[in-house]
Amino acid sequence: MNPIFGHPSYVLRRQVFALTGKFRFYDPMDNLVMFSEQKMFRLREDIRVYSDETKQAEVLMIKARQILDFSAAYDVIDSASGQKIGVLRRKGWSSLLRDEWEVLDAQDQPLGALFEDSMSLALLRRLLLGSFLPQNYDLTVGGVRVVVLRQRFNLFRYELDLDLRENISRQLDPRLAIAAAILLAALARKQTS
């Protein structure tokens, strides 16, 4: 596996007022380690992740299975090998009140869950405070939290801390966590545009 996926934590940053979604991942020393740019006006999401902004070395693909699907499923693929790593599938109706995702392995078997931290805070975010109350997520495998995603409040850019330190025995491939962070940031961008 590419060493850029071996960090214990990352910060994902996206400019709030940019025309396209540019996602930058920084390691704990604040070095840029990954870059992605979401194309505008795409019916089927096809997000590519690169090792830097030159886009010379593609490291990860995130591809929607269908066009405009309420319960969208996204295949996460290693770009070097072309091998599917797993799937992130949004739970459509459940996500209206509180964001919920299923995490599936490469054979589409249930592996874990990704969900917004609390129902009451999720409702406050949707009904009252909108983007002024940061979203927080837990990613679990077998009911045990292995990844924490915490949004920082910032008026000018979206920032999401991705903490993999609880993934000690590598129950979850870190590339799935990185793909989840990009999808959450892309959805947050659509909700605020």
N, C-alpha and C. Protein backbone atom coordinates (compact mmCIF):
# COMPACT_ATOMS: atom_id res chain seq x y z
N MET A 1 0.85 -1.18 0.00
CA MET A 1 0.00 0.00 0.00
C MET A 1 0.89 1.25 0.00
N ASN A 2 0.46 2.25 -0.70
CA ASN A 2 1.18 3.52 -0.79
C ASN A 2 1.37 4.12 0.61
N PRO A 3 2.57 4.58 0.95
CA PRO A 3 2.83 5.14 2.30
C PRO A 3 1.99 6.37 2.65
N ILE A 4 1.43 7.07 1.66
CA ILE A 4 0.60 8.24 2.00
C ILE A 4 -0.66 7.84 2.76
N PHE A 5 -1.01 6.55 2.72
CA PHE A 5 -2.18 6.07 3.46
C PHE A 5 -1.83 5.58 4.86
N GLY A 6 -0.58 5.77 5.29
CA GLY A 6 -0.13 5.24 6.57
C GLY A 6 -0.09 6.22 7.72
N HIS A 7 -0.59 7.42 7.54
CA HIS A 7 -0.54 8.41 8.63
C HIS A 7 -1.62 8.12 9.67
N PRO A 8 -1.37 8.47 10.94
CA PRO A 8 -2.37 8.24 11.98
C PRO A 8 -3.53 9.23 11.94
N SER A 9 -3.32 10.36 11.26
CA SER A 9 -4.38 11.36 11.15
C SER A 9 -4.13 12.24 9.93
N TYR A 10 -5.20 12.90 9.51
CA TYR A 10 -5.16 13.81 8.37
C TYR A 10 -6.08 14.99 8.66
N VAL A 11 -5.88 16.07 7.92
CA VAL A 11 -6.84 17.17 7.89
C VAL A 11 -7.22 17.35 6.44
N LEU A 12 -8.50 17.32 6.16
CA LEU A 12 -9.02 17.59 4.82
C LEU A 12 -9.47 19.05 4.81
N ARG A 13 -9.05 19.79 3.80
CA ARG A 13 -9.45 21.19 3.67
C ARG A 13 -10.06 21.44 2.29
N ARG A 14 -11.12 22.23 2.27
CA ARG A 14 -11.79 22.61 1.03
C ARG A 14 -12.22 24.06 1.16
N GLN A 15 -11.93 24.88 0.15
CA GLN A 15 -12.38 26.26 0.15
C GLN A 15 -13.90 26.29 0.05
N VAL A 16 -14.55 27.12 0.82
CA VAL A 16 -16.01 27.18 0.84
C VAL A 16 -16.55 27.86 -0.41
N PHE A 17 -15.93 28.92 -0.87
CA PHE A 17 -16.50 29.71 -1.96
C PHE A 17 -15.87 29.41 -3.32
N ALA A 18 -15.20 28.29 -3.49
CA ALA A 18 -14.59 27.94 -4.77
C ALA A 18 -15.66 27.38 -5.72
N LEU A 19 -15.45 27.57 -7.02
CA LEU A 19 -16.40 27.05 -8.02
C LEU A 19 -16.37 25.53 -8.10
N THR A 20 -15.20 24.93 -7.97
CA THR A 20 -15.09 23.47 -7.98
C THR A 20 -14.66 23.00 -6.60
N GLY A 21 -14.97 21.76 -6.30
CA GLY A 21 -14.58 21.19 -5.02
C GLY A 21 -13.15 20.67 -5.08
N LYS A 22 -12.22 21.39 -4.47
CA LYS A 22 -10.83 20.96 -4.40
C LYS A 22 -10.56 20.52 -2.97
N PHE A 23 -10.19 19.25 -2.82
CA PHE A 23 -9.97 18.67 -1.51
C PHE A 23 -8.47 18.42 -1.34
N ARG A 24 -7.93 18.93 -0.25
CA ARG A 24 -6.51 18.74 0.05
C ARG A 24 -6.38 18.02 1.39
N PHE A 25 -5.58 16.96 1.40
CA PHE A 25 -5.31 16.21 2.63
C PHE A 25 -3.91 16.54 3.10
N TYR A 26 -3.81 16.84 4.40
CA TYR A 26 -2.53 17.16 5.02
C TYR A 26 -2.22 16.13 6.10
N ASP A 27 -0.94 15.78 6.22
CA ASP A 27 -0.51 14.84 7.26
C ASP A 27 -0.37 15.58 8.60
N PRO A 28 0.01 14.89 9.68
CA PRO A 28 0.12 15.56 10.99
C PRO A 28 1.16 16.69 11.03
N MET A 29 2.09 16.71 10.08
CA MET A 29 3.10 17.77 10.03
C MET A 29 2.67 18.90 9.09
N ASP A 30 1.41 18.87 8.64
CA ASP A 30 0.81 19.87 7.75
C ASP A 30 1.42 19.88 6.34
N ASN A 31 1.90 18.70 5.89
CA ASN A 31 2.38 18.54 4.52
C ASN A 31 1.25 18.03 3.65
N LEU A 32 1.10 18.58 2.46
CA LEU A 32 0.10 18.10 1.52
C LEU A 32 0.47 16.69 1.08
N VAL A 33 -0.44 15.73 1.28
CA VAL A 33 -0.15 14.34 0.89
C VAL A 33 -1.13 13.80 -0.15
N MET A 34 -2.29 14.45 -0.31
CA MET A 34 -3.26 14.02 -1.33
C MET A 34 -4.07 15.22 -1.80
N PHE A 35 -4.53 15.13 -3.06
CA PHE A 35 -5.33 16.19 -3.65
C PHE A 35 -6.42 15.56 -4.51
N SER A 36 -7.59 16.16 -4.47
CA SER A 36 -8.70 15.70 -5.31
C SER A 36 -9.51 16.91 -5.75
N GLU A 37 -10.07 16.81 -6.94
CA GLU A 37 -10.89 17.89 -7.46
C GLU A 37 -12.19 17.29 -7.99
N GLN A 38 -13.30 17.74 -7.43
CA GLN A 38 -14.60 17.24 -7.84
C GLN A 38 -15.06 18.01 -9.07
N LYS A 39 -15.36 17.27 -10.11
CA LYS A 39 -15.82 17.89 -11.36
C LYS A 39 -17.24 18.40 -11.19
N MET A 40 -17.51 19.54 -11.82
CA MET A 40 -18.86 20.11 -11.76
C MET A 40 -19.75 19.46 -12.81
N PHE A 41 -21.05 19.49 -12.56
CA PHE A 41 -22.08 19.05 -13.50
C PHE A 41 -21.92 17.59 -13.93
N ARG A 42 -21.57 16.73 -13.03
CA ARG A 42 -21.47 15.31 -13.33
C ARG A 42 -22.72 14.63 -12.82
N LEU A 43 -23.32 13.79 -13.65
CA LEU A 43 -24.49 13.04 -13.22
C LEU A 43 -24.09 11.86 -12.35
N ARG A 44 -22.98 11.22 -12.71
CA ARG A 44 -22.47 10.11 -11.91
C ARG A 44 -21.11 10.51 -11.35
N GLU A 45 -21.01 10.49 -10.05
CA GLU A 45 -19.80 10.94 -9.36
C GLU A 45 -18.63 10.00 -9.70
N ASP A 46 -17.50 10.58 -10.06
CA ASP A 46 -16.27 9.85 -10.35
C ASP A 46 -15.13 10.71 -9.83
N ILE A 47 -14.75 10.49 -8.59
CA ILE A 47 -13.76 11.33 -7.92
C ILE A 47 -12.41 10.62 -7.96
N ARG A 48 -11.39 11.35 -8.36
CA ARG A 48 -10.03 10.83 -8.41
C ARG A 48 -9.18 11.53 -7.36
N VAL A 49 -8.33 10.74 -6.70
CA VAL A 49 -7.45 11.28 -5.67
C VAL A 49 -6.01 11.08 -6.14
N TYR A 50 -5.21 12.15 -6.01
CA TYR A 50 -3.83 12.16 -6.49
C TYR A 50 -2.88 12.41 -5.32
N SER A 51 -1.61 12.12 -5.55
CA SER A 51 -0.61 12.34 -4.49
C SER A 51 -0.26 13.82 -4.32
N ASP A 52 -0.58 14.65 -5.33
CA ASP A 52 -0.35 16.09 -5.19
C ASP A 52 -1.17 16.84 -6.24
N GLU A 53 -1.03 18.16 -6.27
CA GLU A 53 -1.85 18.99 -7.15
C GLU A 53 -1.46 18.93 -8.62
N THR A 54 -0.33 18.31 -8.94
CA THR A 54 0.04 18.17 -10.36
C THR A 54 -0.82 17.10 -11.04
N LYS A 55 -1.46 16.26 -10.26
CA LYS A 55 -2.32 15.17 -10.72
C LYS A 55 -1.57 14.17 -11.61
N GLN A 56 -0.29 13.98 -11.34
CA GLN A 56 0.51 13.03 -12.11
C GLN A 56 0.35 11.60 -11.61
N ALA A 57 0.18 11.44 -10.30
CA ALA A 57 0.08 10.09 -9.72
C ALA A 57 -1.28 9.91 -9.05
N GLU A 58 -2.17 9.20 -9.74
CA GLU A 58 -3.48 8.90 -9.17
C GLU A 58 -3.34 7.75 -8.19
N VAL A 59 -3.95 7.90 -7.00
CA VAL A 59 -3.80 6.86 -5.96
C VAL A 59 -5.12 6.19 -5.58
N LEU A 60 -6.25 6.85 -5.86
CA LEU A 60 -7.54 6.32 -5.41
C LEU A 60 -8.66 6.82 -6.31
N MET A 61 -9.67 5.96 -6.53
CA MET A 61 -10.87 6.33 -7.29
C MET A 61 -12.09 6.09 -6.41
N ILE A 62 -13.06 6.98 -6.51
CA ILE A 62 -14.34 6.83 -5.81
C ILE A 62 -15.42 7.00 -6.88
N LYS A 63 -16.12 5.91 -7.19
CA LYS A 63 -17.05 5.93 -8.32
C LYS A 63 -18.46 5.55 -7.87
N ALA A 64 -19.41 6.41 -8.21
CA ALA A 64 -20.82 6.11 -7.92
C ALA A 64 -21.28 5.00 -8.84
N ARG A 65 -22.10 4.11 -8.31
CA ARG A 65 -22.59 3.01 -9.12
C ARG A 65 -23.71 3.43 -10.06
N GLN A 66 -24.52 4.40 -9.63
CA GLN A 66 -25.67 4.81 -10.43
C GLN A 66 -25.74 6.33 -10.52
N ILE A 67 -26.55 6.79 -11.43
CA ILE A 67 -26.77 8.21 -11.61
C ILE A 67 -27.85 8.67 -10.63
N LEU A 68 -27.58 9.75 -9.90
CA LEU A 68 -28.56 10.38 -9.01
C LEU A 68 -29.34 9.39 -8.16
N ASP A 69 -28.64 8.65 -7.35
CA ASP A 69 -29.25 7.64 -6.50
C ASP A 69 -29.39 8.18 -5.08
N PHE A 70 -30.61 8.11 -4.51
CA PHE A 70 -30.87 8.62 -3.16
C PHE A 70 -30.09 7.84 -2.11
N SER A 71 -29.95 6.53 -2.33
CA SER A 71 -29.14 5.68 -1.45
C SER A 71 -27.89 5.28 -2.20
N ALA A 72 -27.11 6.26 -2.57
CA ALA A 72 -25.96 6.06 -3.45
C ALA A 72 -24.93 5.11 -2.85
N ALA A 73 -24.36 4.28 -3.72
CA ALA A 73 -23.25 3.39 -3.36
C ALA A 73 -22.03 3.84 -4.15
N TYR A 74 -20.90 3.95 -3.46
CA TYR A 74 -19.66 4.40 -4.08
C TYR A 74 -18.59 3.32 -3.92
N ASP A 75 -18.09 2.84 -5.05
CA ASP A 75 -16.99 1.88 -5.02
C ASP A 75 -15.69 2.65 -4.80
N VAL A 76 -14.86 2.14 -3.91
CA VAL A 76 -13.55 2.73 -3.63
C VAL A 76 -12.52 1.78 -4.21
N ILE A 77 -11.71 2.31 -5.14
CA ILE A 77 -10.80 1.47 -5.93
C ILE A 77 -9.38 1.99 -5.81
N ASP A 78 -8.43 1.07 -5.62
CA ASP A 78 -7.02 1.41 -5.62
C ASP A 78 -6.61 1.68 -7.06
N SER A 79 -6.12 2.86 -7.36
CA SER A 79 -5.80 3.24 -8.74
C SER A 79 -4.63 2.45 -9.31
N ALA A 80 -3.65 2.11 -8.49
CA ALA A 80 -2.46 1.40 -8.98
C ALA A 80 -2.80 -0.01 -9.44
N SER A 81 -3.62 -0.71 -8.66
CA SER A 81 -3.93 -2.11 -8.98
C SER A 81 -5.27 -2.28 -9.69
N GLY A 82 -6.15 -1.27 -9.60
CA GLY A 82 -7.50 -1.40 -10.15
C GLY A 82 -8.40 -2.27 -9.29
N GLN A 83 -7.93 -2.64 -8.12
CA GLN A 83 -8.67 -3.53 -7.22
C GLN A 83 -9.64 -2.74 -6.34
N LYS A 84 -10.88 -3.26 -6.23
CA LYS A 84 -11.86 -2.63 -5.35
C LYS A 84 -11.47 -2.89 -3.90
N ILE A 85 -11.50 -1.83 -3.10
CA ILE A 85 -11.14 -1.90 -1.69
C ILE A 85 -12.38 -2.13 -0.84
N GLY A 86 -13.47 -1.48 -1.23
CA GLY A 86 -14.71 -1.57 -0.48
C GLY A 86 -15.75 -0.63 -1.07
N VAL A 87 -16.84 -0.47 -0.32
CA VAL A 87 -17.97 0.33 -0.79
C VAL A 87 -18.48 1.17 0.36
N LEU A 88 -18.88 2.40 0.05
CA LEU A 88 -19.57 3.26 1.00
C LEU A 88 -20.96 3.50 0.43
N ARG A 89 -21.98 3.10 1.17
CA ARG A 89 -23.36 3.21 0.69
C ARG A 89 -24.18 4.04 1.68
N ARG A 90 -24.74 5.12 1.17
CA ARG A 90 -25.54 6.02 2.00
C ARG A 90 -26.90 5.40 2.26
N LYS A 91 -27.35 5.50 3.50
CA LYS A 91 -28.68 5.05 3.86
C LYS A 91 -29.63 6.22 3.62
N GLY A 92 -30.32 6.20 2.50
CA GLY A 92 -31.12 7.32 2.03
C GLY A 92 -32.09 7.91 3.02
N TRP A 93 -33.13 7.16 3.38
CA TRP A 93 -34.16 7.72 4.27
C TRP A 93 -33.63 8.00 5.67
N SER A 94 -32.77 7.13 6.16
CA SER A 94 -32.19 7.34 7.50
C SER A 94 -31.36 8.62 7.55
N SER A 95 -30.73 8.96 6.42
CA SER A 95 -29.85 10.12 6.38
C SER A 95 -30.58 11.45 6.34
N LEU A 96 -31.89 11.42 6.23
CA LEU A 96 -32.64 12.68 6.28
C LEU A 96 -32.55 13.32 7.66
N LEU A 97 -32.59 12.51 8.69
CA LEU A 97 -32.51 13.02 10.06
C LEU A 97 -31.08 13.04 10.59
N ARG A 98 -30.33 12.02 10.26
CA ARG A 98 -28.97 11.87 10.76
C ARG A 98 -28.19 11.10 9.69
N ASP A 99 -27.08 11.66 9.20
CA ASP A 99 -26.30 10.98 8.17
C ASP A 99 -25.88 9.59 8.63
N GLU A 100 -26.19 8.60 7.80
CA GLU A 100 -25.79 7.22 8.08
C GLU A 100 -25.33 6.56 6.79
N TRP A 101 -24.25 5.81 6.88
CA TRP A 101 -23.67 5.10 5.75
C TRP A 101 -23.35 3.67 6.18
N GLU A 102 -23.43 2.76 5.23
CA GLU A 102 -22.94 1.40 5.43
C GLU A 102 -21.55 1.33 4.82
N VAL A 103 -20.65 0.63 5.50
CA VAL A 103 -19.31 0.39 4.98
C VAL A 103 -19.26 -1.10 4.63
N LEU A 104 -18.97 -1.38 3.36
CA LEU A 104 -18.95 -2.75 2.87
C LEU A 104 -17.53 -3.12 2.44
N ASP A 105 -17.21 -4.41 2.50
CA ASP A 105 -15.89 -4.84 2.05
C ASP A 105 -15.87 -4.98 0.53
N ALA A 106 -14.79 -5.50 -0.01
CA ALA A 106 -14.62 -5.60 -1.46
C ALA A 106 -15.63 -6.55 -2.10
N GLN A 107 -16.23 -7.45 -1.31
CA GLN A 107 -17.24 -8.38 -1.82
C GLN A 107 -18.66 -7.90 -1.51
N ASP A 108 -18.81 -6.64 -1.14
CA ASP A 108 -20.10 -6.02 -0.81
C ASP A 108 -20.76 -6.62 0.43
N GLN A 109 -19.95 -7.15 1.33
CA GLN A 109 -20.45 -7.68 2.59
C GLN A 109 -20.32 -6.61 3.68
N PRO A 110 -21.29 -6.54 4.60
CA PRO A 110 -21.22 -5.52 5.66
C PRO A 110 -19.94 -5.61 6.48
N LEU A 111 -19.32 -4.46 6.66
CA LEU A 111 -18.08 -4.37 7.42
C LEU A 111 -18.25 -3.45 8.61
N GLY A 112 -18.96 -2.33 8.40
CA GLY A 112 -19.12 -1.37 9.47
C GLY A 112 -20.13 -0.30 9.13
N ALA A 113 -20.07 0.80 9.89
CA ALA A 113 -21.03 1.89 9.71
C ALA A 113 -20.33 3.22 9.92
N LEU A 114 -20.84 4.23 9.23
CA LEU A 114 -20.39 5.61 9.38
C LEU A 114 -21.64 6.42 9.69
N PHE A 115 -21.61 7.18 10.79
CA PHE A 115 -22.82 7.90 11.18
C PHE A 115 -22.47 9.18 11.92
N GLU A 116 -23.39 10.14 11.80
CA GLU A 116 -23.28 11.41 12.49
C GLU A 116 -23.33 11.16 14.00
N ASP A 117 -22.60 11.97 14.76
CA ASP A 117 -22.37 11.71 16.17
C ASP A 117 -23.62 11.59 17.04
N SER A 118 -24.58 12.47 16.90
CA SER A 118 -25.76 12.36 17.77
C SER A 118 -27.01 12.81 17.02
N MET A 119 -28.11 12.16 17.32
CA MET A 119 -29.38 12.48 16.66
C MET A 119 -29.81 13.91 16.99
N SER A 120 -29.69 14.31 18.24
CA SER A 120 -30.15 15.65 18.63
C SER A 120 -29.33 16.74 17.94
N LEU A 121 -28.01 16.58 17.87
CA LEU A 121 -27.18 17.56 17.18
C LEU A 121 -27.45 17.56 15.68
N ALA A 122 -27.70 16.37 15.13
CA ALA A 122 -28.02 16.28 13.70
C ALA A 122 -29.30 17.05 13.39
N LEU A 123 -30.30 16.91 14.25
CA LEU A 123 -31.55 17.64 14.04
C LEU A 123 -31.35 19.14 14.17
N LEU A 124 -30.55 19.57 15.14
CA LEU A 124 -30.25 21.00 15.28
C LEU A 124 -29.56 21.53 14.03
N ARG A 125 -28.62 20.75 13.49
CA ARG A 125 -27.91 21.17 12.28
C ARG A 125 -28.88 21.38 11.12
N ARG A 126 -29.84 20.47 10.99
CA ARG A 126 -30.77 20.54 9.86
C ARG A 126 -31.84 21.60 10.05
N LEU A 127 -32.30 21.79 11.28
CA LEU A 127 -33.43 22.68 11.50
C LEU A 127 -33.05 24.12 11.83
N LEU A 128 -31.97 24.31 12.58
CA LEU A 128 -31.70 25.65 13.08
C LEU A 128 -30.38 26.26 12.63
N LEU A 129 -29.31 25.56 12.86
CA LEU A 129 -28.01 26.20 12.77
C LEU A 129 -27.28 25.99 11.46
N GLY A 130 -27.75 25.10 10.63
CA GLY A 130 -27.12 24.86 9.34
C GLY A 130 -25.64 24.62 9.46
N SER A 131 -24.86 25.38 8.73
CA SER A 131 -23.41 25.16 8.68
C SER A 131 -22.66 25.75 9.87
N PHE A 132 -23.36 26.38 10.81
CA PHE A 132 -22.68 26.96 11.96
C PHE A 132 -22.40 25.95 13.07
N LEU A 133 -22.95 24.77 12.96
CA LEU A 133 -22.70 23.71 13.93
C LEU A 133 -21.98 22.58 13.20
N PRO A 134 -20.68 22.42 13.43
CA PRO A 134 -19.91 21.42 12.69
C PRO A 134 -20.46 20.00 12.84
N GLN A 135 -20.28 19.21 11.77
CA GLN A 135 -20.72 17.82 11.78
C GLN A 135 -19.58 16.94 12.25
N ASN A 136 -19.92 15.94 13.04
CA ASN A 136 -18.95 14.98 13.55
C ASN A 136 -19.46 13.57 13.26
N TYR A 137 -18.53 12.67 12.93
CA TYR A 137 -18.90 11.31 12.55
C TYR A 137 -18.02 10.29 13.24
N ASP A 138 -18.58 9.11 13.44
CA ASP A 138 -17.83 7.96 13.90
C ASP A 138 -17.92 6.89 12.84
N LEU A 139 -16.81 6.18 12.63
CA LEU A 139 -16.81 5.04 11.72
C LEU A 139 -16.49 3.82 12.57
N THR A 140 -17.39 2.85 12.53
CA THR A 140 -17.23 1.66 13.37
C THR A 140 -17.07 0.41 12.51
N VAL A 141 -16.37 -0.56 13.07
CA VAL A 141 -16.26 -1.89 12.48
C VAL A 141 -16.64 -2.87 13.59
N GLY A 142 -17.66 -3.69 13.32
CA GLY A 142 -18.13 -4.63 14.35
C GLY A 142 -18.62 -3.92 15.60
N GLY A 143 -19.17 -2.72 15.46
CA GLY A 143 -19.68 -1.96 16.59
C GLY A 143 -18.63 -1.22 17.38
N VAL A 144 -17.36 -1.33 16.99
CA VAL A 144 -16.27 -0.65 17.69
C VAL A 144 -15.78 0.52 16.85
N ARG A 145 -15.69 1.70 17.47
CA ARG A 145 -15.22 2.88 16.74
C ARG A 145 -13.75 2.73 16.39
N VAL A 146 -13.43 2.93 15.10
CA VAL A 146 -12.04 2.83 14.63
C VAL A 146 -11.55 4.13 14.00
N VAL A 147 -12.48 5.01 13.59
CA VAL A 147 -12.11 6.28 12.97
C VAL A 147 -13.06 7.36 13.48
N VAL A 148 -12.50 8.53 13.74
CA VAL A 148 -13.27 9.69 14.18
C VAL A 148 -13.07 10.79 13.14
N LEU A 149 -14.18 11.38 12.70
CA LEU A 149 -14.14 12.50 11.75
C LEU A 149 -14.81 13.69 12.41
N ARG A 150 -14.06 14.79 12.58
CA ARG A 150 -14.57 15.96 13.28
C ARG A 150 -14.38 17.20 12.42
N GLN A 151 -15.47 17.88 12.14
CA GLN A 151 -15.41 19.11 11.36
C GLN A 151 -15.05 20.27 12.28
N ARG A 152 -14.16 21.12 11.82
CA ARG A 152 -13.80 22.33 12.55
C ARG A 152 -14.65 23.48 12.02
N PHE A 153 -15.08 24.35 12.90
CA PHE A 153 -15.84 25.52 12.44
C PHE A 153 -14.87 26.53 11.84
N ASN A 154 -15.14 26.93 10.60
CA ASN A 154 -14.34 27.93 9.90
C ASN A 154 -15.23 28.53 8.82
N LEU A 155 -15.37 29.85 8.80
CA LEU A 155 -16.25 30.50 7.84
C LEU A 155 -15.73 30.42 6.40
N PHE A 156 -14.41 30.33 6.22
CA PHE A 156 -13.84 30.45 4.89
C PHE A 156 -13.43 29.13 4.25
N ARG A 157 -13.34 28.08 5.04
CA ARG A 157 -13.03 26.78 4.45
C ARG A 157 -13.59 25.66 5.30
N TYR A 158 -13.89 24.58 4.63
CA TYR A 158 -14.36 23.37 5.29
C TYR A 158 -13.13 22.60 5.74
N GLU A 159 -13.07 22.25 7.01
CA GLU A 159 -11.95 21.47 7.54
C GLU A 159 -12.49 20.28 8.30
N LEU A 160 -11.93 19.12 7.99
CA LEU A 160 -12.38 17.88 8.62
C LEU A 160 -11.15 17.13 9.12
N ASP A 161 -11.10 16.91 10.43
CA ASP A 161 -10.03 16.10 11.03
C ASP A 161 -10.41 14.64 10.89
N LEU A 162 -9.48 13.85 10.40
CA LEU A 162 -9.67 12.41 10.20
C LEU A 162 -8.66 11.70 11.09
N ASP A 163 -9.15 11.09 12.18
CA ASP A 163 -8.28 10.46 13.18
C ASP A 163 -8.42 8.95 13.08
N LEU A 164 -7.31 8.29 12.70
CA LEU A 164 -7.29 6.83 12.53
C LEU A 164 -6.54 6.13 13.67
N ARG A 165 -6.23 6.83 14.74
CA ARG A 165 -5.42 6.23 15.81
C ARG A 165 -6.12 5.09 16.54
N GLU A 166 -7.45 5.04 16.48
CA GLU A 166 -8.18 3.93 17.12
C GLU A 166 -8.23 2.70 16.23
N ASN A 167 -7.74 2.80 15.01
CA ASN A 167 -7.72 1.69 14.05
C ASN A 167 -6.42 0.90 14.23
N ILE A 168 -6.13 0.55 15.47
CA ILE A 168 -4.84 -0.02 15.86
C ILE A 168 -4.55 -1.33 15.12
N SER A 169 -5.48 -2.24 15.11
CA SER A 169 -5.24 -3.53 14.46
C SER A 169 -5.67 -3.52 13.00
N ARG A 170 -5.84 -2.32 12.43
CA ARG A 170 -6.16 -2.14 11.01
C ARG A 170 -7.41 -2.93 10.59
N GLN A 171 -8.46 -2.84 11.43
CA GLN A 171 -9.73 -3.47 11.08
C GLN A 171 -10.30 -2.85 9.82
N LEU A 172 -9.94 -1.60 9.55
CA LEU A 172 -10.46 -0.87 8.40
C LEU A 172 -9.31 -0.38 7.54
N ASP A 173 -9.43 -0.59 6.25
CA ASP A 173 -8.43 -0.08 5.31
C ASP A 173 -8.52 1.45 5.36
N PRO A 174 -7.42 2.15 5.62
CA PRO A 174 -7.47 3.61 5.74
C PRO A 174 -7.97 4.31 4.48
N ARG A 175 -7.86 3.66 3.33
CA ARG A 175 -8.34 4.26 2.09
C ARG A 175 -9.86 4.41 2.10
N LEU A 176 -10.56 3.52 2.80
CA LEU A 176 -12.02 3.67 2.95
C LEU A 176 -12.35 4.89 3.81
N ALA A 177 -11.57 5.12 4.84
CA ALA A 177 -11.79 6.29 5.70
C ALA A 177 -11.53 7.58 4.93
N ILE A 178 -10.48 7.59 4.11
CA ILE A 178 -10.16 8.77 3.30
C ILE A 178 -11.27 9.03 2.29
N ALA A 179 -11.77 7.97 1.65
CA ALA A 179 -12.88 8.11 0.70
C ALA A 179 -14.13 8.64 1.41
N ALA A 180 -14.38 8.15 2.63
CA ALA A 180 -15.54 8.63 3.40
C ALA A 180 -15.41 10.12 3.68
N ALA A 181 -14.22 10.57 4.03
CA ALA A 181 -14.00 11.99 4.32
C ALA A 181 -14.29 12.84 3.08
N ILE A 182 -13.83 12.39 1.92
CA ILE A 182 -14.08 13.14 0.67
C ILE A 182 -15.57 13.18 0.37
N LEU A 183 -16.26 12.06 0.51
CA LEU A 183 -17.70 12.04 0.24
C LEU A 183 -18.46 12.96 1.19
N LEU A 184 -18.10 12.95 2.47
CA LEU A 184 -18.76 13.84 3.43
C LEU A 184 -18.51 15.30 3.07
N ALA A 185 -17.28 15.63 2.68
CA ALA A 185 -16.97 17.01 2.29
C ALA A 185 -17.69 17.40 1.02
N ALA A 186 -17.82 16.48 0.07
CA ALA A 186 -18.54 16.77 -1.17
C ALA A 186 -20.01 16.99 -0.90
N LEU A 187 -20.61 16.17 -0.03
CA LEU A 187 -22.01 16.35 0.33
C LEU A 187 -22.24 17.66 1.08
N ALA A 188 -21.34 18.00 1.98
CA ALA A 188 -21.45 19.27 2.71
C ALA A 188 -21.37 20.43 1.73
N ARG A 189 -20.55 20.30 0.71
CA ARG A 189 -20.44 21.36 -0.31
C ARG A 189 -21.75 21.52 -1.07
N LYS A 190 -22.39 20.41 -1.43
CA LYS A 190 -23.66 20.48 -2.15
C LYS A 190 -24.77 21.07 -1.28
N GLN A 191 -24.72 20.77 0.01
CA GLN A 191 -25.76 21.26 0.92
C GLN A 191 -25.62 22.75 1.18
N THR A 192 -24.42 23.30 1.06
CA THR A 192 -24.22 24.73 1.33
C THR A 192 -24.21 25.57 0.06
N SER A 193 -24.22 24.94 -1.13
CA SER A 193 -24.21 25.72 -2.37
C SER A 193 -25.59 26.14 -2.77
